Amino acid sequence: MFALVLAGRRGDARALATFIPDCIVLVTRLTRDPRVPGRRKLLLFALVGYLALPIDLVPDFIPVAGQLDDAIIVALVLRHFIKVGGERMIRELWPGPERLLQLILRLGRTG
C-alpha cells in the first residue's frame, strides 16, 4: 500500500486500505437482509467468526501475507454469494468504491 502512495496512486491505496472494512459492512448488511436465506447467513456468521478469531491460516504479523489470507477468505465467501444469485444484492449493499465492486463481481463470475 505504501508503494502505491509513493507511486502517486493514493486513490488505489485508499481503496485497498478500505477493502476489508467495506467487506465487513457488506457482510453485516447481508446478515441483516431478510432476502438472504438462513443457510447463507450461517456462512456469513462463520466468516465473521473467522475474521474475529486471533488464529489465522497465516499469522497477521507476517507482512502482506498475514492480511492477504483474510482478504482471500472474504473473497471466496462473496464469490459463493455471487454464484448462487446474489450479485444484485451485493451491488445494492456494497459500501465501497465501484472499482472494488467490479473486481469482486468479476471474481464471482470466473471458474
PDB file of N, CA and C in Angstrom:
ATOM      1  N   MET A   1       0.827  -1.174   0.000  1.00  0.00           N
ATOM      2  CA  MET A   1       0.000   0.000   0.000  1.00  0.00           C
ATOM      3  C   MET A   1       0.881   1.251   0.000  1.00  0.00           C
ATOM      4  N   PHE A   2       1.940   1.225   0.808  1.00  0.00           N
ATOM      5  CA  PHE A   2       2.868   2.350   0.857  1.00  0.00           C
ATOM      6  C   PHE A   2       3.480   2.606  -0.511  1.00  0.00           C
ATOM      7  N   ALA A   3       3.748   1.532  -1.247  1.00  0.00           N
ATOM      8  CA  ALA A   3       4.314   1.664  -2.586  1.00  0.00           C
ATOM      9  C   ALA A   3       3.339   2.389  -3.520  1.00  0.00           C
ATOM     10  N   LEU A   4       2.043   2.135  -3.360  1.00  0.00           N
ATOM     11  CA  LEU A   4       1.048   2.832  -4.189  1.00  0.00           C
ATOM     12  C   LEU A   4       1.052   4.328  -3.906  1.00  0.00           C
ATOM     13  N   VAL A   5       1.184   4.693  -2.637  1.00  0.00           N
ATOM     14  CA  VAL A   5       1.239   6.116  -2.275  1.00  0.00           C
ATOM     15  C   VAL A   5       2.476   6.756  -2.885  1.00  0.00           C
ATOM     16  N   LEU A   6       3.617   6.072  -2.757  1.00  0.00           N
ATOM     17  CA  LEU A   6       4.858   6.605  -3.329  1.00  0.00           C
ATOM     18  C   LEU A   6       4.776   6.730  -4.844  1.00  0.00           C
ATOM     19  N   ALA A   7       4.027   5.835  -5.470  1.00  0.00           N
ATOM     20  CA  ALA A   7       3.881   5.879  -6.923  1.00  0.00           C
ATOM     21  C   ALA A   7       2.835   6.903  -7.375  1.00  0.00           C
ATOM     22  N   GLY A   8       2.261   7.640  -6.417  1.00  0.00           N
ATOM     23  CA  GLY A   8       1.270   8.649  -6.769  1.00  0.00           C
ATOM     24  C   GLY A   8      -0.119   8.094  -6.993  1.00  0.00           C
ATOM     25  N   ARG A   9      -0.367   6.899  -6.521  1.00  0.00           N
ATOM     26  CA  ARG A   9      -1.682   6.261  -6.711  1.00  0.00           C
ATOM     27  C   ARG A   9      -2.423   6.209  -5.387  1.00  0.00           C
ATOM     28  N   ARG A  10      -2.632   7.379  -4.796  1.00  0.00           N
ATOM     29  CA  ARG A  10      -3.298   7.464  -3.489  1.00  0.00           C
ATOM     30  C   ARG A  10      -4.710   6.890  -3.513  1.00  0.00           C
ATOM     31  N   GLY A  11      -5.430   7.086  -4.600  1.00  0.00           N
ATOM     32  CA  GLY A  11      -6.790   6.558  -4.709  1.00  0.00           C
ATOM     33  C   GLY A  11      -6.807   5.037  -4.630  1.00  0.00           C
ATOM     34  N   ASP A  12      -5.861   4.403  -5.313  1.00  0.00           N
ATOM     35  CA  ASP A  12      -5.762   2.940  -5.264  1.00  0.00           C
ATOM     36  C   ASP A  12      -5.366   2.469  -3.871  1.00  0.00           C
ATOM     37  N   ALA A  13      -4.451   3.194  -3.242  1.00  0.00           N
ATOM     38  CA  ALA A  13      -4.024   2.831  -1.887  1.00  0.00           C
ATOM     39  C   ALA A  13      -5.185   2.959  -0.902  1.00  0.00           C
ATOM     40  N   ARG A  14      -5.975   4.014  -1.048  1.00  0.00           N
ATOM     41  CA  ARG A  14      -7.134   4.224  -0.166  1.00  0.00           C
ATOM     42  C   ARG A  14      -8.171   3.114  -0.367  1.00  0.00           C
ATOM     43  N   ALA A  15      -8.425   2.760  -1.622  1.00  0.00           N
ATOM     44  CA  ALA A  15      -9.392   1.700  -1.908  1.00  0.00           C
ATOM     45  C   ALA A  15      -8.926   0.374  -1.328  1.00  0.00           C
ATOM     46  N   LEU A  16      -7.644   0.087  -1.465  1.00  0.00           N
ATOM     47  CA  LEU A  16      -7.098  -1.155  -0.922  1.00  0.00           C
ATOM     48  C   LEU A  16      -7.180  -1.169   0.601  1.00  0.00           C
ATOM     49  N   ALA A  17      -6.897  -0.031   1.218  1.00  0.00           N
ATOM     50  CA  ALA A  17      -6.940   0.051   2.683  1.00  0.00           C
ATOM     51  C   ALA A  17      -8.346  -0.129   3.235  1.00  0.00           C
ATOM     52  N   THR A  18      -9.346   0.217   2.457  1.00  0.00           N
ATOM     53  CA  THR A  18     -10.727   0.114   2.944  1.00  0.00           C
ATOM     54  C   THR A  18     -11.428  -1.164   2.492  1.00  0.00           C
ATOM     55  N   PHE A  19     -10.720  -2.050   1.773  1.00  0.00           N
ATOM     56  CA  PHE A  19     -11.367  -3.250   1.252  1.00  0.00           C
ATOM     57  C   PHE A  19     -11.975  -4.114   2.354  1.00  0.00           C
ATOM     58  N   ILE A  20     -11.187  -4.488   3.352  1.00  0.00           N
ATOM     59  CA  ILE A  20     -11.709  -5.346   4.417  1.00  0.00           C
ATOM     60  C   ILE A  20     -12.800  -4.628   5.203  1.00  0.00           C
ATOM     61  N   PRO A  21     -12.608  -3.348   5.615  1.00  0.00           N
ATOM     62  CA  PRO A  21     -13.717  -2.667   6.301  1.00  0.00           C
ATOM     63  C   PRO A  21     -14.990  -2.592   5.460  1.00  0.00           C
ATOM     64  N   ASP A  22     -14.860  -2.353   4.149  1.00  0.00           N
ATOM     65  CA  ASP A  22     -16.034  -2.330   3.269  1.00  0.00           C
ATOM     66  C   ASP A  22     -16.688  -3.707   3.215  1.00  0.00           C
ATOM     67  N   CYS A  23     -15.875  -4.745   3.204  1.00  0.00           N
ATOM     68  CA  CYS A  23     -16.423  -6.111   3.192  1.00  0.00           C
ATOM     69  C   CYS A  23     -17.149  -6.420   4.492  1.00  0.00           C
ATOM     70  N   ILE A  24     -16.640  -5.912   5.603  1.00  0.00           N
ATOM     71  CA  ILE A  24     -17.310  -6.116   6.897  1.00  0.00           C
ATOM     72  C   ILE A  24     -18.672  -5.441   6.893  1.00  0.00           C
ATOM     73  N   VAL A  25     -18.736  -4.233   6.353  1.00  0.00           N
ATOM     74  CA  VAL A  25     -20.026  -3.536   6.239  1.00  0.00           C
ATOM     75  C   VAL A  25     -20.962  -4.339   5.345  1.00  0.00           C
ATOM     76  N   LEU A  26     -20.458  -4.821   4.223  1.00  0.00           N
ATOM     77  CA  LEU A  26     -21.277  -5.617   3.304  1.00  0.00           C
ATOM     78  C   LEU A  26     -21.809  -6.871   3.991  1.00  0.00           C
ATOM     79  N   VAL A  27     -20.950  -7.601   4.693  1.00  0.00           N
ATOM     80  CA  VAL A  27     -21.366  -8.832   5.370  1.00  0.00           C
ATOM     81  C   VAL A  27     -22.407  -8.516   6.438  1.00  0.00           C
ATOM     82  N   THR A  28     -22.214  -7.433   7.170  1.00  0.00           N
ATOM     83  CA  THR A  28     -23.201  -7.020   8.182  1.00  0.00           C
ATOM     84  C   THR A  28     -24.548  -6.734   7.528  1.00  0.00           C
ATOM     85  N   ARG A  29     -24.522  -6.026   6.425  1.00  0.00           N
ATOM     86  CA  ARG A  29     -25.771  -5.721   5.717  1.00  0.00           C
ATOM     87  C   ARG A  29     -26.431  -6.990   5.182  1.00  0.00           C
ATOM     88  N   LEU A  30     -25.620  -7.918   4.682  1.00  0.00           N
ATOM     89  CA  LEU A  30     -26.174  -9.176   4.175  1.00  0.00           C
ATOM     90  C   LEU A  30     -26.819  -9.991   5.294  1.00  0.00           C
ATOM     91  N   THR A  31     -26.188 -10.020   6.477  1.00  0.00           N
ATOM     92  CA  THR A  31     -26.762 -10.806   7.585  1.00  0.00           C
ATOM     93  C   THR A  31     -28.071 -10.209   8.071  1.00  0.00           C
ATOM     94  N   ARG A  32     -28.253  -8.921   7.883  1.00  0.00           N
ATOM     95  CA  ARG A  32     -29.485  -8.257   8.328  1.00  0.00           C
ATOM     96  C   ARG A  32     -30.572  -8.236   7.262  1.00  0.00           C
ATOM     97  N   ASP A  33     -30.209  -8.592   6.048  1.00  0.00           N
ATOM     98  CA  ASP A  33     -31.157  -8.518   4.940  1.00  0.00           C
ATOM     99  C   ASP A  33     -32.096  -9.724   4.971  1.00  0.00           C
ATOM    100  N   PRO A  34     -33.407  -9.489   4.981  1.00  0.00           N
ATOM    101  CA  PRO A  34     -34.359 -10.611   5.044  1.00  0.00           C
ATOM    102  C   PRO A  34     -34.380 -11.468   3.776  1.00  0.00           C
ATOM    103  N   ARG A  35     -33.802 -10.991   2.683  1.00  0.00           N
ATOM    104  CA  ARG A  35     -33.778 -11.773   1.443  1.00  0.00           C
ATOM    105  C   ARG A  35     -32.728 -12.882   1.468  1.00  0.00           C
ATOM    106  N   VAL A  36     -31.789 -12.801   2.419  1.00  0.00           N
ATOM    107  CA  VAL A  36     -30.719 -13.801   2.497  1.00  0.00           C
ATOM    108  C   VAL A  36     -31.232 -14.996   3.297  1.00  0.00           C
ATOM    109  N   PRO A  37     -31.220 -16.195   2.696  1.00  0.00           N
ATOM    110  CA  PRO A  37     -31.683 -17.392   3.404  1.00  0.00           C
ATOM    111  C   PRO A  37     -30.810 -17.706   4.630  1.00  0.00           C
ATOM    112  N   GLY A  38     -31.408 -18.388   5.584  1.00  0.00           N
ATOM    113  CA  GLY A  38     -30.723 -18.718   6.831  1.00  0.00           C
ATOM    114  C   GLY A  38     -29.424 -19.481   6.644  1.00  0.00           C
ATOM    115  N   ARG A  39     -29.378 -20.408   5.699  1.00  0.00           N
ATOM    116  CA  ARG A  39     -28.150 -21.185   5.469  1.00  0.00           C
ATOM    117  C   ARG A  39     -27.004 -20.294   5.016  1.00  0.00           C
ATOM    118  N   ARG A  40     -27.303 -19.316   4.208  1.00  0.00           N
ATOM    119  CA  ARG A  40     -26.250 -18.393   3.753  1.00  0.00           C
ATOM    120  C   ARG A  40     -25.832 -17.462   4.887  1.00  0.00           C
ATOM    121  N   LYS A  41     -26.774 -17.123   5.751  1.00  0.00           N
ATOM    122  CA  LYS A  41     -26.410 -16.297   6.906  1.00  0.00           C
ATOM    123  C   LYS A  41     -25.454 -17.047   7.824  1.00  0.00           C
ATOM    124  N   LEU A  42     -25.618 -18.355   7.940  1.00  0.00           N
ATOM    125  CA  LEU A  42     -24.681 -19.154   8.744  1.00  0.00           C
ATOM    126  C   LEU A  42     -23.269 -19.051   8.175  1.00  0.00           C
ATOM    127  N   LEU A  43     -23.149 -19.082   6.850  1.00  0.00           N
ATOM    128  CA  LEU A  43     -21.846 -18.918   6.212  1.00  0.00           C
ATOM    129  C   LEU A  43     -21.252 -17.546   6.549  1.00  0.00           C
ATOM    130  N   LEU A  44     -22.088 -16.532   6.534  1.00  0.00           N
ATOM    131  CA  LEU A  44     -21.618 -15.181   6.862  1.00  0.00           C
ATOM    132  C   LEU A  44     -21.168 -15.093   8.322  1.00  0.00           C
ATOM    133  N   PHE A  45     -21.922 -15.716   9.226  1.00  0.00           N
ATOM    134  CA  PHE A  45     -21.528 -15.710  10.631  1.00  0.00           C
ATOM    135  C   PHE A  45     -20.214 -16.466  10.830  1.00  0.00           C
ATOM    136  N   ALA A  46     -20.026 -17.557  10.084  1.00  0.00           N
ATOM    137  CA  ALA A  46     -18.758 -18.293  10.152  1.00  0.00           C
ATOM    138  C   ALA A  46     -17.607 -17.413   9.664  1.00  0.00           C
ATOM    139  N   LEU A  47     -17.842 -16.631   8.617  1.00  0.00           N
ATOM    140  CA  LEU A  47     -16.821 -15.713   8.112  1.00  0.00           C
ATOM    141  C   LEU A  47     -16.467 -14.680   9.168  1.00  0.00           C
ATOM    142  N   VAL A  48     -17.476 -14.089   9.789  1.00  0.00           N
ATOM    143  CA  VAL A  48     -17.229 -13.086  10.828  1.00  0.00           C
ATOM    144  C   VAL A  48     -16.446 -13.719  11.987  1.00  0.00           C
ATOM    145  N   GLY A  49     -16.830 -14.941  12.358  1.00  0.00           N
ATOM    146  CA  GLY A  49     -16.111 -15.634  13.420  1.00  0.00           C
ATOM    147  C   GLY A  49     -14.657 -15.863  13.061  1.00  0.00           C
ATOM    148  N   TYR A  50     -14.400 -16.281  11.830  1.00  0.00           N
ATOM    149  CA  TYR A  50     -13.026 -16.497  11.380  1.00  0.00           C
ATOM    150  C   TYR A  50     -12.230 -15.198  11.441  1.00  0.00           C
ATOM    151  N   LEU A  51     -12.832 -14.117  10.959  1.00  0.00           N
ATOM    152  CA  LEU A  51     -12.117 -12.839  10.953  1.00  0.00           C
ATOM    153  C   LEU A  51     -11.880 -12.315  12.371  1.00  0.00           C
ATOM    154  N   ALA A  52     -12.780 -12.639  13.293  1.00  0.00           N
ATOM    155  CA  ALA A  52     -12.652 -12.158  14.665  1.00  0.00           C
ATOM    156  C   ALA A  52     -11.642 -12.967  15.483  1.00  0.00           C
ATOM    157  N   LEU A  53     -11.437 -14.217  15.107  1.00  0.00           N
ATOM    158  CA  LEU A  53     -10.505 -15.056  15.864  1.00  0.00           C
ATOM    159  C   LEU A  53      -9.065 -14.587  15.672  1.00  0.00           C
ATOM    160  N   PRO A  54      -8.274 -14.655  16.724  1.00  0.00           N
ATOM    161  CA  PRO A  54      -6.868 -14.258  16.575  1.00  0.00           C
ATOM    162  C   PRO A  54      -6.034 -15.296  15.823  1.00  0.00           C
ATOM    163  N   ILE A  55      -6.581 -16.484  15.610  1.00  0.00           N
ATOM    164  CA  ILE A  55      -5.857 -17.544  14.903  1.00  0.00           C
ATOM    165  C   ILE A  55      -6.237 -17.484  13.424  1.00  0.00           C
ATOM    166  N   ASP A  56      -5.244 -17.355  12.560  1.00  0.00           N
ATOM    167  CA  ASP A  56      -5.451 -17.282  11.118  1.00  0.00           C
ATOM    168  C   ASP A  56      -4.670 -18.387  10.426  1.00  0.00           C
ATOM    169  N   LEU A  57      -4.999 -18.614   9.162  1.00  0.00           N
ATOM    170  CA  LEU A  57      -4.205 -19.546   8.365  1.00  0.00           C
ATOM    171  C   LEU A  57      -2.762 -19.061   8.271  1.00  0.00           C
ATOM    172  N   VAL A  58      -2.602 -17.760   8.056  1.00  0.00           N
ATOM    173  CA  VAL A  58      -1.293 -17.125   8.029  1.00  0.00           C
ATOM    174  C   VAL A  58      -1.325 -16.037   9.106  1.00  0.00           C
ATOM    175  N   PRO A  59      -0.422 -16.075  10.085  1.00  0.00           N
ATOM    176  CA  PRO A  59      -0.449 -15.076  11.169  1.00  0.00           C
ATOM    177  C   PRO A  59      -0.359 -13.644  10.640  1.00  0.00           C
ATOM    178  N   ASP A  60      -1.096 -12.745  11.294  1.00  0.00           N
ATOM    179  CA  ASP A  60      -1.164 -11.351  10.838  1.00  0.00           C
ATOM    180  C   ASP A  60       0.154 -10.599  10.961  1.00  0.00           C
ATOM    181  N   PHE A  61       1.083 -11.081  11.794  1.00  0.00           N
ATOM    182  CA  PHE A  61       2.350 -10.359  11.936  1.00  0.00           C
ATOM    183  C   PHE A  61       3.274 -10.553  10.729  1.00  0.00           C
ATOM    184  N   ILE A  62       2.926 -11.464   9.832  1.00  0.00           N
ATOM    185  CA  ILE A  62       3.707 -11.643   8.598  1.00  0.00           C
ATOM    186  C   ILE A  62       3.230 -10.593   7.602  1.00  0.00           C
ATOM    187  N   PRO A  63       4.120  -9.681   7.189  1.00  0.00           N
ATOM    188  CA  PRO A  63       3.708  -8.588   6.300  1.00  0.00           C
ATOM    189  C   PRO A  63       3.021  -9.089   5.035  1.00  0.00           C
ATOM    190  N   VAL A  64       2.004  -8.426   4.636  1.00  0.00           N
ATOM    191  CA  VAL A  64       1.191  -8.644   3.446  1.00  0.00           C
ATOM    192  C   VAL A  64       0.448  -9.980   3.498  1.00  0.00           C
ATOM    193  N   ALA A  65       1.151 -11.088   3.594  1.00  0.00           N
ATOM    194  CA  ALA A  65       0.511 -12.409   3.585  1.00  0.00           C
ATOM    195  C   ALA A  65      -0.444 -12.569   4.760  1.00  0.00           C
ATOM    196  N   GLY A  66      -0.126 -11.957   5.890  1.00  0.00           N
ATOM    197  CA  GLY A  66      -0.977 -12.064   7.070  1.00  0.00           C
ATOM    198  C   GLY A  66      -2.352 -11.447   6.865  1.00  0.00           C
ATOM    199  N   GLN A  67      -2.423 -10.391   6.104  1.00  0.00           N
ATOM    200  CA  GLN A  67      -3.704  -9.762   5.805  1.00  0.00           C
ATOM    201  C   GLN A  67      -4.328 -10.348   4.543  1.00  0.00           C
ATOM    202  N   LEU A  68      -3.502 -10.868   3.676  1.00  0.00           N
ATOM    203  CA  LEU A  68      -3.988 -11.408   2.417  1.00  0.00           C
ATOM    204  C   LEU A  68      -4.882 -12.624   2.618  1.00  0.00           C
ATOM    205  N   ASP A  69      -4.581 -13.462   3.612  1.00  0.00           N
ATOM    206  CA  ASP A  69      -5.422 -14.643   3.815  1.00  0.00           C
ATOM    207  C   ASP A  69      -6.839 -14.244   4.207  1.00  0.00           C
ATOM    208  N   ASP A  70      -6.980 -13.173   5.009  1.00  0.00           N
ATOM    209  CA  ASP A  70      -8.321 -12.687   5.354  1.00  0.00           C
ATOM    210  C   ASP A  70      -9.063 -12.219   4.109  1.00  0.00           C
ATOM    211  N   ALA A  71      -8.365 -11.480   3.249  1.00  0.00           N
ATOM    212  CA  ALA A  71      -8.988 -10.983   2.020  1.00  0.00           C
ATOM    213  C   ALA A  71      -9.400 -12.138   1.108  1.00  0.00           C
ATOM    214  N   ILE A  72      -8.607 -13.191   1.058  1.00  0.00           N
ATOM    215  CA  ILE A  72      -8.931 -14.339   0.211  1.00  0.00           C
ATOM    216  C   ILE A  72     -10.171 -15.054   0.738  1.00  0.00           C
ATOM    217  N   ILE A  73     -10.252 -15.244   2.057  1.00  0.00           N
ATOM    218  CA  ILE A  73     -11.425 -15.902   2.649  1.00  0.00           C
ATOM    219  C   ILE A  73     -12.678 -15.080   2.381  1.00  0.00           C
ATOM    220  N   VAL A  74     -12.585 -13.770   2.567  1.00  0.00           N
ATOM    221  CA  VAL A  74     -13.730 -12.892   2.297  1.00  0.00           C
ATOM    222  C   VAL A  74     -14.128 -13.002   0.823  1.00  0.00           C
ATOM    223  N   ALA A  75     -13.148 -12.981  -0.060  1.00  0.00           N
ATOM    224  CA  ALA A  75     -13.432 -13.068  -1.498  1.00  0.00           C
ATOM    225  C   ALA A  75     -14.111 -14.391  -1.858  1.00  0.00           C
ATOM    226  N   LEU A  76     -13.679 -15.492  -1.236  1.00  0.00           N
ATOM    227  CA  LEU A  76     -14.298 -16.785  -1.526  1.00  0.00           C
ATOM    228  C   LEU A  76     -15.758 -16.831  -1.076  1.00  0.00           C
ATOM    229  N   VAL A  77     -16.043 -16.270   0.083  1.00  0.00           N
ATOM    230  CA  VAL A  77     -17.429 -16.242   0.565  1.00  0.00           C
ATOM    231  C   VAL A  77     -18.281 -15.360  -0.349  1.00  0.00           C
ATOM    232  N   LEU A  78     -17.762 -14.206  -0.718  1.00  0.00           N
ATOM    233  CA  LEU A  78     -18.515 -13.325  -1.619  1.00  0.00           C
ATOM    234  C   LEU A  78     -18.696 -13.978  -2.987  1.00  0.00           C
ATOM    235  N   ARG A  79     -17.690 -14.709  -3.433  1.00  0.00           N
ATOM    236  CA  ARG A  79     -17.812 -15.428  -4.707  1.00  0.00           C
ATOM    237  C   ARG A  79     -18.964 -16.422  -4.645  1.00  0.00           C
ATOM    238  N   HIS A  80     -19.068 -17.133  -3.532  1.00  0.00           N
ATOM    239  CA  HIS A  80     -20.179 -18.079  -3.358  1.00  0.00           C
ATOM    240  C   HIS A  80     -21.520 -17.346  -3.456  1.00  0.00           C
ATOM    241  N   PHE A  81     -21.628 -16.201  -2.789  1.00  0.00           N
ATOM    242  CA  PHE A  81     -22.878 -15.436  -2.833  1.00  0.00           C
ATOM    243  C   PHE A  81     -23.221 -15.009  -4.247  1.00  0.00           C
ATOM    244  N   ILE A  82     -22.235 -14.577  -4.985  1.00  0.00           N
ATOM    245  CA  ILE A  82     -22.478 -14.149  -6.359  1.00  0.00           C
ATOM    246  C   ILE A  82     -22.929 -15.332  -7.208  1.00  0.00           C
ATOM    247  N   LYS A  83     -22.266 -16.467  -7.049  1.00  0.00           N
ATOM    248  CA  LYS A  83     -22.585 -17.650  -7.854  1.00  0.00           C
ATOM    249  C   LYS A  83     -23.987 -18.191  -7.571  1.00  0.00           C
ATOM    250  N   VAL A  84     -24.499 -18.012  -6.351  1.00  0.00           N
ATOM    251  CA  VAL A  84     -25.836 -18.524  -6.035  1.00  0.00           C
ATOM    252  C   VAL A  84     -26.916 -17.467  -6.281  1.00  0.00           C
ATOM    253  N   GLY A  85     -26.564 -16.445  -7.029  1.00  0.00           N
ATOM    254  CA  GLY A  85     -27.575 -15.483  -7.448  1.00  0.00           C
ATOM    255  C   GLY A  85     -27.653 -14.205  -6.649  1.00  0.00           C
ATOM    256  N   GLY A  86     -26.618 -13.906  -5.888  1.00  0.00           N
ATOM    257  CA  GLY A  86     -26.677 -12.717  -5.046  1.00  0.00           C
ATOM    258  C   GLY A  86     -25.986 -11.490  -5.597  1.00  0.00           C
ATOM    259  N   GLU A  87     -25.676 -11.499  -6.908  1.00  0.00           N
ATOM    260  CA  GLU A  87     -24.948 -10.355  -7.475  1.00  0.00           C
ATOM    261  C   GLU A  87     -25.717  -9.049  -7.300  1.00  0.00           C
ATOM    262  N   ARG A  88     -27.007  -9.086  -7.558  1.00  0.00           N
ATOM    263  CA  ARG A  88     -27.809  -7.855  -7.443  1.00  0.00           C
ATOM    264  C   ARG A  88     -27.796  -7.333  -6.010  1.00  0.00           C
ATOM    265  N   MET A  89     -27.889  -8.257  -5.045  1.00  0.00           N
ATOM    266  CA  MET A  89     -27.885  -7.860  -3.642  1.00  0.00           C
ATOM    267  C   MET A  89     -26.523  -7.278  -3.242  1.00  0.00           C
ATOM    268  N   ILE A  90     -25.456  -7.881  -3.723  1.00  0.00           N
ATOM    269  CA  ILE A  90     -24.124  -7.370  -3.412  1.00  0.00           C
ATOM    270  C   ILE A  90     -23.937  -5.993  -4.023  1.00  0.00           C
ATOM    271  N   ARG A  91     -24.397  -5.805  -5.247  1.00  0.00           N
ATOM    272  CA  ARG A  91     -24.336  -4.470  -5.878  1.00  0.00           C
ATOM    273  C   ARG A  91     -25.081  -3.441  -5.029  1.00  0.00           C
ATOM    274  N   GLU A  92     -26.232  -3.835  -4.571  1.00  0.00           N
ATOM    275  CA  GLU A  92     -27.100  -2.939  -3.811  1.00  0.00           C
ATOM    276  C   GLU A  92     -26.503  -2.579  -2.445  1.00  0.00           C
ATOM    277  N   LEU A  93     -25.847  -3.524  -1.794  1.00  0.00           N
ATOM    278  CA  LEU A  93     -25.392  -3.328  -0.417  1.00  0.00           C
ATOM    279  C   LEU A  93     -23.920  -2.946  -0.285  1.00  0.00           C
ATOM    280  N   TRP A  94     -23.160  -2.972  -1.374  1.00  0.00           N
ATOM    281  CA  TRP A  94     -21.724  -2.672  -1.315  1.00  0.00           C
ATOM    282  C   TRP A  94     -21.493  -1.206  -0.956  1.00  0.00           C
ATOM    283  N   PRO A  95     -20.690  -0.922   0.102  1.00  0.00           N
ATOM    284  CA  PRO A  95     -20.478   0.462   0.531  1.00  0.00           C
ATOM    285  C   PRO A  95     -19.239   1.127  -0.065  1.00  0.00           C
ATOM    286  N   GLY A  96     -18.388   0.364  -0.730  1.00  0.00           N
ATOM    287  CA  GLY A  96     -17.092   0.877  -1.152  1.00  0.00           C
ATOM    288  C   GLY A  96     -17.056   1.402  -2.567  1.00  0.00           C
ATOM    289  N   PRO A  97     -15.827   1.606  -3.052  1.00  0.00           N
ATOM    290  CA  PRO A  97     -15.634   2.140  -4.400  1.00  0.00           C
ATOM    291  C   PRO A  97     -16.129   1.175  -5.476  1.00  0.00           C
ATOM    292  N   GLU A  98     -16.614   1.742  -6.546  1.00  0.00           N
ATOM    293  CA  GLU A  98     -17.137   0.962  -7.666  1.00  0.00           C
ATOM    294  C   GLU A  98     -16.069   0.035  -8.247  1.00  0.00           C
ATOM    295  N   ARG A  99     -14.817   0.490  -8.291  1.00  0.00           N
ATOM    296  CA  ARG A  99     -13.735  -0.340  -8.849  1.00  0.00           C
ATOM    297  C   ARG A  99     -13.590  -1.657  -8.091  1.00  0.00           C
ATOM    298  N   LEU A 100     -13.667  -1.597  -6.751  1.00  0.00           N
ATOM    299  CA  LEU A 100     -13.551  -2.822  -5.969  1.00  0.00           C
ATOM    300  C   LEU A 100     -14.783  -3.699  -6.130  1.00  0.00           C
ATOM    301  N   LEU A 101     -15.939  -3.083  -6.262  1.00  0.00           N
ATOM    302  CA  LEU A 101     -17.150  -3.859  -6.506  1.00  0.00           C
ATOM    303  C   LEU A 101     -17.019  -4.624  -7.816  1.00  0.00           C
ATOM    304  N   GLN A 102     -16.536  -3.972  -8.852  1.00  0.00           N
ATOM    305  CA  GLN A 102     -16.359  -4.634 -10.146  1.00  0.00           C
ATOM    306  C   GLN A 102     -15.367  -5.789 -10.041  1.00  0.00           C
ATOM    307  N   LEU A 103     -14.313  -5.614  -9.248  1.00  0.00           N
ATOM    308  CA  LEU A 103     -13.345  -6.689  -9.035  1.00  0.00           C
ATOM    309  C   LEU A 103     -14.002  -7.889  -8.344  1.00  0.00           C
ATOM    310  N   ILE A 104     -14.789  -7.634  -7.332  1.00  0.00           N
ATOM    311  CA  ILE A 104     -15.488  -8.707  -6.613  1.00  0.00           C
ATOM    312  C   ILE A 104     -16.458  -9.423  -7.535  1.00  0.00           C
ATOM    313  N   LEU A 105     -17.186  -8.665  -8.335  1.00  0.00           N
ATOM    314  CA  LEU A 105     -18.160  -9.281  -9.250  1.00  0.00           C
ATOM    315  C   LEU A 105     -17.465 -10.116 -10.323  1.00  0.00           C
ATOM    316  N   ARG A 106     -16.322  -9.649 -10.818  1.00  0.00           N
ATOM    317  CA  ARG A 106     -15.556 -10.437 -11.793  1.00  0.00           C
ATOM    318  C   ARG A 106     -15.077 -11.739 -11.169  1.00  0.00           C
ATOM    319  N   LEU A 107     -14.641 -11.676  -9.937  1.00  0.00           N
ATOM    320  CA  LEU A 107     -14.192 -12.871  -9.224  1.00  0.00           C
ATOM    321  C   LEU A 107     -15.329 -13.887  -9.145  1.00  0.00           C
ATOM    322  N   GLY A 108     -16.526 -13.416  -8.887  1.00  0.00           N
ATOM    323  CA  GLY A 108     -17.669 -14.304  -8.775  1.00  0.00           C
ATOM    324  C   GLY A 108     -18.090 -14.932 -10.082  1.00  0.00           C
ATOM    325  N   ARG A 109     -17.748 -14.314 -11.177  1.00  0.00           N
ATOM    326  CA  ARG A 109     -18.168 -14.823 -12.480  1.00  0.00           C
ATOM    327  C   ARG A 109     -17.156 -15.798 -13.086  1.00  0.00           C
ATOM    328  N   THR A 110     -15.969 -15.883 -12.514  1.00  0.00           N
ATOM    329  CA  THR A 110     -14.942 -16.777 -13.062  1.00  0.00           C
ATOM    330  C   THR A 110     -15.084 -18.168 -12.475  1.00  0.00           C
ATOM    331  N   GLY A 111     -14.525 -19.123 -13.148  1.00  0.00           N
ATOM    332  CA  GLY A 111     -14.497 -20.501 -12.654  1.00  0.00           C
ATOM    333  C   GLY A 111     -15.732 -21.175 -12.955  1.00  0.00           C
TER     334      GLY A 111
END
